[in-house]
Amino acid sequence: MLSFLQTLIEPWLLFLADDPMLRMLQLGMILLGAVVIFLVFYTTRDILLRTQSFLYMFFSILLVAFFPVIGFLVYLLIRPARTLKERELEKMLRSITQGKKMKLKAKPGK
């Protein structure tokens, strides 16, 4: 089993340096790149669900792309509190409850 994994991983190690310190640096940079890509994709998905403003979307994605960790934390502070669907649901619930209140007020004697 171990030899199978070793033969599977060996061709990919050709891209990495032979020096262990350089190899760790390269693996760290690969990991950092993966985290940055994840943050940009998460921000893109999240901002598309929260607003329809193209300028706000564009600014948020660029903020996270150019300043990954700090930009993501700033994005979490400035993003809209609720998604578009949550706001629509809240609006519908508010109109339903107001309709029921109107019906209760219209009934005499209660």
PDB file of N, CA and C in Angstrom:
ATOM      1  N   MET A   1       0.828  -1.196   0.000  1.00  0.00           N
ATOM      2  CA  MET A   1       0.000   0.000   0.000  1.00  0.00           C
ATOM      3  C   MET A   1       0.869   1.255   0.000  1.00  0.00           C
ATOM      4  N   LEU A   2       1.916   1.247   0.836  1.00  0.00           N
ATOM      5  CA  LEU A   2       2.808   2.386   0.928  1.00  0.00           C
ATOM      6  C   LEU A   2       3.577   2.592  -0.367  1.00  0.00           C
ATOM      7  N   SER A   3       3.986   1.511  -1.001  1.00  0.00           N
ATOM      8  CA  SER A   3       4.730   1.626  -2.258  1.00  0.00           C
ATOM      9  C   SER A   3       3.820   2.169  -3.363  1.00  0.00           C
ATOM     10  N   PHE A   4       2.529   1.812  -3.303  1.00  0.00           N
ATOM     11  CA  PHE A   4       1.585   2.338  -4.286  1.00  0.00           C
ATOM     12  C   PHE A   4       1.450   3.850  -4.148  1.00  0.00           C
ATOM     13  N   LEU A   5       1.323   4.328  -2.912  1.00  0.00           N
ATOM     14  CA  LEU A   5       1.226   5.768  -2.675  1.00  0.00           C
ATOM     15  C   LEU A   5       2.502   6.484  -3.089  1.00  0.00           C
ATOM     16  N   GLN A   6       3.627   5.845  -2.836  1.00  0.00           N
ATOM     17  CA  GLN A   6       4.905   6.451  -3.197  1.00  0.00           C
ATOM     18  C   GLN A   6       5.041   6.571  -4.711  1.00  0.00           C
ATOM     19  N   THR A   7       4.619   5.558  -5.446  1.00  0.00           N
ATOM     20  CA  THR A   7       4.687   5.635  -6.910  1.00  0.00           C
ATOM     21  C   THR A   7       3.672   6.632  -7.451  1.00  0.00           C
ATOM     22  N   LEU A   8       2.592   6.840  -6.727  1.00  0.00           N
ATOM     23  CA  LEU A   8       1.584   7.813  -7.156  1.00  0.00           C
ATOM     24  C   LEU A   8       2.067   9.244  -6.942  1.00  0.00           C
ATOM     25  N   ILE A   9       2.782   9.486  -5.855  1.00  0.00           N
ATOM     26  CA  ILE A   9       3.234  10.827  -5.502  1.00  0.00           C
ATOM     27  C   ILE A   9       4.541  11.208  -6.203  1.00  0.00           C
ATOM     28  N   GLU A  10       5.358  10.230  -6.523  1.00  0.00           N
ATOM     29  CA  GLU A  10       6.704  10.490  -7.045  1.00  0.00           C
ATOM     30  C   GLU A  10       6.754  11.386  -8.283  1.00  0.00           C
ATOM     31  N   PRO A  11       5.911  11.206  -9.294  1.00  0.00           N
ATOM     32  CA  PRO A  11       5.989  12.112 -10.458  1.00  0.00           C
ATOM     33  C   PRO A  11       5.707  13.571 -10.113  1.00  0.00           C
ATOM     34  N   TRP A  12       4.877  13.814  -9.115  1.00  0.00           N
ATOM     35  CA  TRP A  12       4.554  15.186  -8.723  1.00  0.00           C
ATOM     36  C   TRP A  12       5.702  15.840  -7.968  1.00  0.00           C
ATOM     37  N   LEU A  13       6.548  15.045  -7.349  1.00  0.00           N
ATOM     38  CA  LEU A  13       7.675  15.596  -6.609  1.00  0.00           C
ATOM     39  C   LEU A  13       8.758  16.144  -7.531  1.00  0.00           C
ATOM     40  N   LEU A  14       8.706  15.822  -8.819  1.00  0.00           N
ATOM     41  CA  LEU A  14       9.684  16.357  -9.771  1.00  0.00           C
ATOM     42  C   LEU A  14       9.567  17.877  -9.894  1.00  0.00           C
ATOM     43  N   PHE A  15       8.385  18.414  -9.617  1.00  0.00           N
ATOM     44  CA  PHE A  15       8.183  19.859  -9.708  1.00  0.00           C
ATOM     45  C   PHE A  15       8.741  20.594  -8.490  1.00  0.00           C
ATOM     46  N   LEU A  16       8.989  19.868  -7.419  1.00  0.00           N
ATOM     47  CA  LEU A  16       9.480  20.475  -6.190  1.00  0.00           C
ATOM     48  C   LEU A  16      10.995  20.343  -6.088  1.00  0.00           C
ATOM     49  N   ALA A  17      11.606  21.208  -5.297  1.00  0.00           N
ATOM     50  CA  ALA A  17      13.057  21.211  -5.124  1.00  0.00           C
ATOM     51  C   ALA A  17      13.512  19.997  -4.315  1.00  0.00           C
ATOM     52  N   ASP A  18      14.791  19.650  -4.449  1.00  0.00           N
ATOM     53  CA  ASP A  18      15.359  18.538  -3.693  1.00  0.00           C
ATOM     54  C   ASP A  18      15.688  18.939  -2.258  1.00  0.00           C
ATOM     55  N   ASP A  19      15.990  20.214  -2.046  1.00  0.00           N
ATOM     56  CA  ASP A  19      16.310  20.704  -0.707  1.00  0.00           C
ATOM     57  C   ASP A  19      15.033  20.710   0.150  1.00  0.00           C
ATOM     58  N   PRO A  20      15.071  20.114   1.333  1.00  0.00           N
ATOM     59  CA  PRO A  20      13.857  20.046   2.164  1.00  0.00           C
ATOM     60  C   PRO A  20      13.298  21.414   2.551  1.00  0.00           C
ATOM     61  N   MET A  21      14.156  22.382   2.799  1.00  0.00           N
ATOM     62  CA  MET A  21      13.672  23.715   3.165  1.00  0.00           C
ATOM     63  C   MET A  21      12.956  24.381   1.992  1.00  0.00           C
ATOM     64  N   LEU A  22      13.535  24.270   0.810  1.00  0.00           N
ATOM     65  CA  LEU A  22      12.881  24.840  -0.369  1.00  0.00           C
ATOM     66  C   LEU A  22      11.574  24.114  -0.681  1.00  0.00           C
ATOM     67  N   ARG A  23      11.574  22.807  -0.464  1.00  0.00           N
ATOM     68  CA  ARG A  23      10.360  22.028  -0.707  1.00  0.00           C
ATOM     69  C   ARG A  23       9.243  22.476   0.250  1.00  0.00           C
ATOM     70  N   MET A  24       9.580  22.706   1.514  1.00  0.00           N
ATOM     71  CA  MET A  24       8.582  23.179   2.478  1.00  0.00           C
ATOM     72  C   MET A  24       8.071  24.567   2.087  1.00  0.00           C
ATOM     73  N   LEU A  25       8.977  25.423   1.620  1.00  0.00           N
ATOM     74  CA  LEU A  25       8.583  26.756   1.157  1.00  0.00           C
ATOM     75  C   LEU A  25       7.635  26.648  -0.040  1.00  0.00           C
ATOM     76  N   GLN A  26       7.960  25.770  -0.970  1.00  0.00           N
ATOM     77  CA  GLN A  26       7.101  25.587  -2.134  1.00  0.00           C
ATOM     78  C   GLN A  26       5.733  25.044  -1.739  1.00  0.00           C
ATOM     79  N   LEU A  27       5.700  24.088  -0.852  1.00  0.00           N
ATOM     80  CA  LEU A  27       4.415  23.540  -0.402  1.00  0.00           C
ATOM     81  C   LEU A  27       3.599  24.591   0.359  1.00  0.00           C
ATOM     82  N   GLY A  28       4.287  25.419   1.136  1.00  0.00           N
ATOM     83  CA  GLY A  28       3.595  26.511   1.824  1.00  0.00           C
ATOM     84  C   GLY A  28       2.993  27.508   0.852  1.00  0.00           C
ATOM     85  N   MET A  29       3.725  27.813  -0.213  1.00  0.00           N
ATOM     86  CA  MET A  29       3.197  28.744  -1.224  1.00  0.00           C
ATOM     87  C   MET A  29       2.010  28.136  -1.965  1.00  0.00           C
ATOM     88  N   ILE A  30       2.068  26.840  -2.222  1.00  0.00           N
ATOM     89  CA  ILE A  30       0.935  26.161  -2.861  1.00  0.00           C
ATOM     90  C   ILE A  30      -0.293  26.208  -1.950  1.00  0.00           C
ATOM     91  N   LEU A  31      -0.078  25.953  -0.664  1.00  0.00           N
ATOM     92  CA  LEU A  31      -1.175  26.011   0.303  1.00  0.00           C
ATOM     93  C   LEU A  31      -1.754  27.426   0.402  1.00  0.00           C
ATOM     94  N   LEU A  32      -0.887  28.418   0.442  1.00  0.00           N
ATOM     95  CA  LEU A  32      -1.338  29.809   0.497  1.00  0.00           C
ATOM     96  C   LEU A  32      -2.136  30.176  -0.754  1.00  0.00           C
ATOM     97  N   GLY A  33      -1.667  29.728  -1.907  1.00  0.00           N
ATOM     98  CA  GLY A  33      -2.400  29.979  -3.153  1.00  0.00           C
ATOM     99  C   GLY A  33      -3.777  29.338  -3.141  1.00  0.00           C
ATOM    100  N   ALA A  34      -3.859  28.126  -2.590  1.00  0.00           N
ATOM    101  CA  ALA A  34      -5.158  27.443  -2.506  1.00  0.00           C
ATOM    102  C   ALA A  34      -6.106  28.194  -1.575  1.00  0.00           C
ATOM    103  N   VAL A  35      -5.585  28.726  -0.479  1.00  0.00           N
ATOM    104  CA  VAL A  35      -6.424  29.491   0.456  1.00  0.00           C
ATOM    105  C   VAL A  35      -6.928  30.774  -0.212  1.00  0.00           C
ATOM    106  N   VAL A  36      -6.056  31.450  -0.949  1.00  0.00           N
ATOM    107  CA  VAL A  36      -6.460  32.681  -1.643  1.00  0.00           C
ATOM    108  C   VAL A  36      -7.547  32.383  -2.670  1.00  0.00           C
ATOM    109  N   ILE A  37      -7.366  31.315  -3.426  1.00  0.00           N
ATOM    110  CA  ILE A  37      -8.376  30.945  -4.426  1.00  0.00           C
ATOM    111  C   ILE A  37      -9.700  30.616  -3.744  1.00  0.00           C
ATOM    112  N   PHE A  38      -9.653  29.899  -2.625  1.00  0.00           N
ATOM    113  CA  PHE A  38     -10.869  29.584  -1.886  1.00  0.00           C
ATOM    114  C   PHE A  38     -11.563  30.859  -1.406  1.00  0.00           C
ATOM    115  N   LEU A  39     -10.798  31.794  -0.853  1.00  0.00           N
ATOM    116  CA  LEU A  39     -11.401  33.033  -0.343  1.00  0.00           C
ATOM    117  C   LEU A  39     -12.052  33.839  -1.465  1.00  0.00           C
ATOM    118  N   VAL A  40     -11.412  33.899  -2.621  1.00  0.00           N
ATOM    119  CA  VAL A  40     -11.979  34.650  -3.751  1.00  0.00           C
ATOM    120  C   VAL A  40     -13.263  33.980  -4.237  1.00  0.00           C
ATOM    121  N   PHE A  41     -13.255  32.647  -4.363  1.00  0.00           N
ATOM    122  CA  PHE A  41     -14.467  31.957  -4.806  1.00  0.00           C
ATOM    123  C   PHE A  41     -15.593  32.077  -3.774  1.00  0.00           C
ATOM    124  N   TYR A  42     -15.260  31.970  -2.493  1.00  0.00           N
ATOM    125  CA  TYR A  42     -16.281  32.108  -1.452  1.00  0.00           C
ATOM    126  C   TYR A  42     -16.889  33.509  -1.486  1.00  0.00           C
ATOM    127  N   THR A  43     -16.026  34.518  -1.615  1.00  0.00           N
ATOM    128  CA  THR A  43     -16.511  35.893  -1.669  1.00  0.00           C
ATOM    129  C   THR A  43     -17.402  36.106  -2.885  1.00  0.00           C
ATOM    130  N   THR A  44     -16.996  35.579  -4.022  1.00  0.00           N
ATOM    131  CA  THR A  44     -17.794  35.728  -5.244  1.00  0.00           C
ATOM    132  C   THR A  44     -19.173  35.101  -5.067  1.00  0.00           C
ATOM    133  N   ARG A  45     -19.212  33.885  -4.558  1.00  0.00           N
ATOM    134  CA  ARG A  45     -20.491  33.211  -4.350  1.00  0.00           C
ATOM    135  C   ARG A  45     -21.357  33.967  -3.349  1.00  0.00           C
ATOM    136  N   ASP A  46     -20.743  34.413  -2.276  1.00  0.00           N
ATOM    137  CA  ASP A  46     -21.489  35.078  -1.212  1.00  0.00           C
ATOM    138  C   ASP A  46     -22.035  36.430  -1.672  1.00  0.00           C
ATOM    139  N   ILE A  47     -21.227  37.205  -2.362  1.00  0.00           N
ATOM    140  CA  ILE A  47     -21.682  38.547  -2.766  1.00  0.00           C
ATOM    141  C   ILE A  47     -22.742  38.455  -3.861  1.00  0.00           C
ATOM    142  N   LEU A  48     -22.686  37.409  -4.694  1.00  0.00           N
ATOM    143  CA  LEU A  48     -23.730  37.230  -5.707  1.00  0.00           C
ATOM    144  C   LEU A  48     -25.079  36.920  -5.061  1.00  0.00           C
ATOM    145  N   LEU A  49     -25.048  36.274  -3.907  1.00  0.00           N
ATOM    146  CA  LEU A  49     -26.296  35.958  -3.195  1.00  0.00           C
ATOM    147  C   LEU A  49     -26.823  37.137  -2.382  1.00  0.00           C
ATOM    148  N   ARG A  50     -25.987  38.144  -2.124  1.00  0.00           N
ATOM    149  CA  ARG A  50     -26.377  39.210  -1.203  1.00  0.00           C
ATOM    150  C   ARG A  50     -26.749  40.541  -1.865  1.00  0.00           C
ATOM    151  N   THR A  51     -26.339  40.790  -3.086  1.00  0.00           N
ATOM    152  CA  THR A  51     -26.658  42.082  -3.701  1.00  0.00           C
ATOM    153  C   THR A  51     -26.766  41.944  -5.215  1.00  0.00           C
ATOM    154  N   GLN A  52     -27.383  42.936  -5.818  1.00  0.00           N
ATOM    155  CA  GLN A  52     -27.474  42.990  -7.276  1.00  0.00           C
ATOM    156  C   GLN A  52     -26.625  44.124  -7.840  1.00  0.00           C
ATOM    157  N   SER A  53     -25.933  44.833  -6.993  1.00  0.00           N
ATOM    158  CA  SER A  53     -25.102  45.950  -7.418  1.00  0.00           C
ATOM    159  C   SER A  53     -23.784  45.438  -8.006  1.00  0.00           C
ATOM    160  N   PHE A  54     -23.596  45.664  -9.298  1.00  0.00           N
ATOM    161  CA  PHE A  54     -22.379  45.186  -9.960  1.00  0.00           C
ATOM    162  C   PHE A  54     -21.134  45.842  -9.378  1.00  0.00           C
ATOM    163  N   LEU A  55     -21.205  47.132  -9.099  1.00  0.00           N
ATOM    164  CA  LEU A  55     -20.052  47.849  -8.559  1.00  0.00           C
ATOM    165  C   LEU A  55     -19.654  47.298  -7.195  1.00  0.00           C
ATOM    166  N   TYR A  56     -20.618  47.000  -6.358  1.00  0.00           N
ATOM    167  CA  TYR A  56     -20.347  46.435  -5.032  1.00  0.00           C
ATOM    168  C   TYR A  56     -19.739  45.033  -5.157  1.00  0.00           C
ATOM    169  N   MET A  57     -20.261  44.238  -6.088  1.00  0.00           N
ATOM    170  CA  MET A  57     -19.707  42.907  -6.335  1.00  0.00           C
ATOM    171  C   MET A  57     -18.257  43.005  -6.795  1.00  0.00           C
ATOM    172  N   PHE A  58     -18.022  43.870  -7.771  1.00  0.00           N
ATOM    173  CA  PHE A  58     -16.693  44.028  -8.349  1.00  0.00           C
ATOM    174  C   PHE A  58     -15.692  44.493  -7.292  1.00  0.00           C
ATOM    175  N   PHE A  59     -16.078  45.473  -6.491  1.00  0.00           N
ATOM    176  CA  PHE A  59     -15.208  45.989  -5.440  1.00  0.00           C
ATOM    177  C   PHE A  59     -14.891  44.908  -4.408  1.00  0.00           C
ATOM    178  N   SER A  60     -15.883  44.135  -4.010  1.00  0.00           N
ATOM    179  CA  SER A  60     -15.680  43.093  -2.996  1.00  0.00           C
ATOM    180  C   SER A  60     -14.731  42.007  -3.492  1.00  0.00           C
ATOM    181  N   ILE A  61     -14.915  41.585  -4.728  1.00  0.00           N
ATOM    182  CA  ILE A  61     -14.057  40.532  -5.282  1.00  0.00           C
ATOM    183  C   ILE A  61     -12.631  41.031  -5.435  1.00  0.00           C
ATOM    184  N   LEU A  62     -12.463  42.259  -5.928  1.00  0.00           N
ATOM    185  CA  LEU A  62     -11.110  42.807  -6.064  1.00  0.00           C
ATOM    186  C   LEU A  62     -10.444  43.009  -4.714  1.00  0.00           C
ATOM    187  N   LEU A  63     -11.207  43.417  -3.726  1.00  0.00           N
ATOM    188  CA  LEU A  63     -10.663  43.606  -2.382  1.00  0.00           C
ATOM    189  C   LEU A  63     -10.074  42.305  -1.847  1.00  0.00           C
ATOM    190  N   VAL A  64     -10.806  41.221  -2.009  1.00  0.00           N
ATOM    191  CA  VAL A  64     -10.325  39.930  -1.509  1.00  0.00           C
ATOM    192  C   VAL A  64      -9.206  39.383  -2.390  1.00  0.00           C
ATOM    193  N   ALA A  65      -9.244  39.655  -3.684  1.00  0.00           N
ATOM    194  CA  ALA A  65      -8.204  39.141  -4.580  1.00  0.00           C
ATOM    195  C   ALA A  65      -6.858  39.829  -4.345  1.00  0.00           C
ATOM    196  N   PHE A  66      -6.863  41.127  -4.083  1.00  0.00           N
ATOM    197  CA  PHE A  66      -5.597  41.848  -3.923  1.00  0.00           C
ATOM    198  C   PHE A  66      -5.070  41.838  -2.490  1.00  0.00           C
ATOM    199  N   PHE A  67      -5.953  41.765  -1.511  1.00  0.00           N
ATOM    200  CA  PHE A  67      -5.552  41.708  -0.100  1.00  0.00           C
ATOM    201  C   PHE A  67      -6.260  40.519   0.541  1.00  0.00           C
ATOM    202  N   PRO A  68      -5.789  39.299   0.299  1.00  0.00           N
ATOM    203  CA  PRO A  68      -6.569  38.102   0.631  1.00  0.00           C
ATOM    204  C   PRO A  68      -7.092  38.012   2.059  1.00  0.00           C
ATOM    205  N   VAL A  69      -6.271  37.994   3.051  1.00  0.00           N
ATOM    206  CA  VAL A  69      -6.767  37.752   4.412  1.00  0.00           C
ATOM    207  C   VAL A  69      -7.425  39.007   4.979  1.00  0.00           C
ATOM    208  N   ILE A  70      -6.733  40.127   4.917  1.00  0.00           N
ATOM    209  CA  ILE A  70      -7.293  41.380   5.437  1.00  0.00           C
ATOM    210  C   ILE A  70      -8.506  41.804   4.615  1.00  0.00           C
ATOM    211  N   GLY A  71      -8.431  41.636   3.307  1.00  0.00           N
ATOM    212  CA  GLY A  71      -9.555  41.975   2.442  1.00  0.00           C
ATOM    213  C   GLY A  71     -10.784  41.142   2.739  1.00  0.00           C
ATOM    214  N   PHE A  72     -10.577  39.862   3.049  1.00  0.00           N
ATOM    215  CA  PHE A  72     -11.708  39.002   3.384  1.00  0.00           C
ATOM    216  C   PHE A  72     -12.345  39.429   4.698  1.00  0.00           C
ATOM    217  N   LEU A  73     -11.518  39.787   5.667  1.00  0.00           N
ATOM    218  CA  LEU A  73     -12.072  40.254   6.948  1.00  0.00           C
ATOM    219  C   LEU A  73     -12.831  41.567   6.770  1.00  0.00           C
ATOM    220  N   VAL A  74     -12.306  42.469   5.939  1.00  0.00           N
ATOM    221  CA  VAL A  74     -13.017  43.719   5.647  1.00  0.00           C
ATOM    222  C   VAL A  74     -14.320  43.413   4.917  1.00  0.00           C
ATOM    223  N   TYR A  75     -14.271  42.467   3.980  1.00  0.00           N
ATOM    224  CA  TYR A  75     -15.485  42.082   3.256  1.00  0.00           C
ATOM    225  C   TYR A  75     -16.555  41.580   4.226  1.00  0.00           C
ATOM    226  N   LEU A  76     -16.148  40.767   5.206  1.00  0.00           N
ATOM    227  CA  LEU A  76     -17.121  40.265   6.173  1.00  0.00           C
ATOM    228  C   LEU A  76     -17.763  41.402   6.964  1.00  0.00           C
ATOM    229  N   LEU A  77     -17.050  42.503   7.135  1.00  0.00           N
ATOM    230  CA  LEU A  77     -17.612  43.647   7.859  1.00  0.00           C
ATOM    231  C   LEU A  77     -18.558  44.482   6.998  1.00  0.00           C
ATOM    232  N   ILE A  78     -18.269  44.582   5.690  1.00  0.00           N
ATOM    233  CA  ILE A  78     -19.052  45.492   4.842  1.00  0.00           C
ATOM    234  C   ILE A  78     -20.136  44.794   4.035  1.00  0.00           C
ATOM    235  N   ARG A  79     -20.181  43.482   4.062  1.00  0.00           N
ATOM    236  CA  ARG A  79     -21.178  42.791   3.246  1.00  0.00           C
ATOM    237  C   ARG A  79     -22.579  43.012   3.814  1.00  0.00           C
ATOM    238  N   PRO A  80     -23.602  42.916   2.955  1.00  0.00           N
ATOM    239  CA  PRO A  80     -24.974  43.040   3.455  1.00  0.00           C
ATOM    240  C   PRO A  80     -25.282  41.942   4.466  1.00  0.00           C
ATOM    241  N   ALA A  81     -26.106  42.267   5.440  1.00  0.00           N
ATOM    242  CA  ALA A  81     -26.390  41.338   6.537  1.00  0.00           C
ATOM    243  C   ALA A  81     -27.171  40.114   6.081  1.00  0.00           C
ATOM    244  N   ARG A  82     -28.087  40.290   5.136  1.00  0.00           N
ATOM    245  CA  ARG A  82     -28.922  39.179   4.693  1.00  0.00           C
ATOM    246  C   ARG A  82     -28.811  38.980   3.187  1.00  0.00           C
ATOM    247  N   THR A  83     -29.114  37.760   2.749  1.00  0.00           N
ATOM    248  CA  THR A  83     -29.116  37.480   1.315  1.00  0.00           C
ATOM    249  C   THR A  83     -30.380  38.060   0.693  1.00  0.00           C
ATOM    250  N   LEU A  84     -30.411  38.062  -0.622  1.00  0.00           N
ATOM    251  CA  LEU A  84     -31.588  38.575  -1.324  1.00  0.00           C
ATOM    252  C   LEU A  84     -32.829  37.749  -0.994  1.00  0.00           C
ATOM    253  N   LYS A  85     -32.664  36.434  -0.906  1.00  0.00           N
ATOM    254  CA  LYS A  85     -33.805  35.564  -0.585  1.00  0.00           C
ATOM    255  C   LYS A  85     -34.303  35.804   0.836  1.00  0.00           C
ATOM    256  N   GLU A  86     -33.392  36.011   1.772  1.00  0.00           N
ATOM    257  CA  GLU A  86     -33.797  36.287   3.153  1.00  0.00           C
ATOM    258  C   GLU A  86     -34.568  37.600   3.239  1.00  0.00           C
ATOM    259  N   ARG A  87     -34.106  38.615   2.506  1.00  0.00           N
ATOM    260  CA  ARG A  87     -34.823  39.896   2.513  1.00  0.00           C
ATOM    261  C   ARG A  87     -36.200  39.769   1.875  1.00  0.00           C
ATOM    262  N   GLU A  88     -36.281  39.002   0.792  1.00  0.00           N
ATOM    263  CA  GLU A  88     -37.566  38.798   0.125  1.00  0.00           C
ATOM    264  C   GLU A  88     -38.526  38.039   1.041  1.00  0.00           C
ATOM    265  N   LEU A  89     -38.026  37.017   1.731  1.00  0.00           N
ATOM    266  CA  LEU A  89     -38.855  36.248   2.653  1.00  0.00           C
ATOM    267  C   LEU A  89     -39.342  37.132   3.802  1.00  0.00           C
ATOM    268  N   GLU A  90     -38.454  37.967   4.336  1.00  0.00           N
ATOM    269  CA  GLU A  90     -38.850  38.865   5.414  1.00  0.00           C
ATOM    270  C   GLU A  90     -39.919  39.851   4.945  1.00  0.00           C
ATOM    271  N   LYS A  91     -39.786  40.332   3.731  1.00  0.00           N
ATOM    272  CA  LYS A  91     -40.769  41.263   3.177  1.00  0.00           C
ATOM    273  C   LYS A  91     -42.128  40.577   3.018  1.00  0.00           C
ATOM    274  N   MET A  92     -42.116  39.332   2.544  1.00  0.00           N
ATOM    275  CA  MET A  92     -43.373  38.599   2.389  1.00  0.00           C
ATOM    276  C   MET A  92     -44.014  38.327   3.746  1.00  0.00           C
ATOM    277  N   LEU A  93     -43.224  37.933   4.733  1.00  0.00           N
ATOM    278  CA  LEU A  93     -43.767  37.677   6.068  1.00  0.00           C
ATOM    279  C   LEU A  93     -44.339  38.952   6.687  1.00  0.00           C
ATOM    280  N   ARG A  94     -43.655  40.065   6.459  1.00  0.00           N
ATOM    281  CA  ARG A  94     -44.145  41.340   6.988  1.00  0.00           C
ATOM    282  C   ARG A  94     -45.479  41.712   6.350  1.00  0.00           C
ATOM    283  N   SER A  95     -45.606  41.496   5.036  1.00  0.00           N
ATOM    284  CA  SER A  95     -46.870  41.832   4.369  1.00  0.00           C
ATOM    285  C   SER A  95     -47.993  40.897   4.829  1.00  0.00           C
ATOM    286  N   ILE A  96     -47.679  39.631   5.080  1.00  0.00           N
ATOM    287  CA  ILE A  96     -48.699  38.689   5.566  1.00  0.00           C
ATOM    288  C   ILE A  96     -49.156  39.076   6.970  1.00  0.00           C
ATOM    289  N   THR A  97     -48.205  39.388   7.836  1.00  0.00           N
ATOM    290  CA  THR A  97     -48.588  39.749   9.208  1.00  0.00           C
ATOM    291  C   THR A  97     -49.341  41.073   9.247  1.00  0.00           C
ATOM    292  N   GLN A  98     -48.999  42.003   8.398  1.00  0.00           N
ATOM    293  CA  GLN A  98     -49.736  43.265   8.355  1.00  0.00           C
ATOM    294  C   GLN A  98     -51.149  43.045   7.827  1.00  0.00           C
ATOM    295  N   GLY A  99     -51.285  42.110   6.880  1.00  0.00           N
ATOM    296  CA  GLY A  99     -52.613  41.771   6.363  1.00  0.00           C
ATOM    297  C   GLY A  99     -53.482  41.169   7.446  1.00  0.00           C
ATOM    298  N   LYS A 100     -52.919  40.323   8.292  1.00  0.00           N
ATOM    299  CA  LYS A 100     -53.682  39.725   9.389  1.00  0.00           C
ATOM    300  C   LYS A 100     -54.054  40.778  10.419  1.00  0.00           C
ATOM    301  N   LYS A 101     -53.147  41.717  10.677  1.00  0.00           N
ATOM    302  CA  LYS A 101     -53.463  42.790  11.622  1.00  0.00           C
ATOM    303  C   LYS A 101     -54.609  43.642  11.104  1.00  0.00           C
ATOM    304  N   MET A 102     -54.626  43.893   9.804  1.00  0.00           N
ATOM    305  CA  MET A 102     -55.695  44.699   9.209  1.00  0.00           C
ATOM    306  C   MET A 102     -57.031  43.974   9.345  1.00  0.00           C
ATOM    307  N   LYS A 103     -57.018  42.656   9.150  1.00  0.00           N
ATOM    308  CA  LYS A 103     -58.257  41.888   9.267  1.00  0.00           C
ATOM    309  C   LYS A 103     -58.763  41.897  10.708  1.00  0.00           C
ATOM    310  N   LEU A 104     -57.843  41.796  11.677  1.00  0.00           N
ATOM    311  CA  LEU A 104     -58.251  41.824  13.081  1.00  0.00           C
ATOM    312  C   LEU A 104     -58.820  43.183  13.461  1.00  0.00           C
ATOM    313  N   LYS A 105     -58.249  44.250  12.931  1.00  0.00           N
ATOM    314  CA  LYS A 105     -58.756  45.593  13.229  1.00  0.00           C
ATOM    315  C   LYS A 105     -60.111  45.821  12.572  1.00  0.00           C
ATOM    316  N   ALA A 106     -60.348  45.172  11.451  1.00  0.00           N
ATOM    317  CA  ALA A 106     -61.613  45.375  10.729  1.00  0.00           C
ATOM    318  C   ALA A 106     -62.795  44.659  11.398  1.00  0.00           C
ATOM    319  N   LYS A 107     -62.500  43.614  12.221  1.00  0.00           N
ATOM    320  CA  LYS A 107     -63.588  42.881  12.885  1.00  0.00           C
ATOM    321  C   LYS A 107     -64.116  43.716  14.052  1.00  0.00           C
ATOM    322  N   PRO A 108     -65.409  43.987  14.060  1.00  0.00           N
ATOM    323  CA  PRO A 108     -65.975  44.771  15.178  1.00  0.00           C
ATOM    324  C   PRO A 108     -66.146  43.903  16.427  1.00  0.00           C
ATOM    325  N   GLY A 109     -66.001  44.520  17.575  1.00  0.00           N
ATOM    326  CA  GLY A 109     -66.258  43.841  18.848  1.00  0.00           C
ATOM    327  C   GLY A 109     -65.069  43.061  19.391  1.00  0.00           C
ATOM    328  N   LYS A 110     -63.949  43.106  18.762  1.00  0.00           N
ATOM    329  CA  LYS A 110     -62.791  42.378  19.270  1.00  0.00           C
ATOM    330  C   LYS A 110     -61.628  43.289  19.465  1.00  0.00           C
TER     331      LYS A 110
END
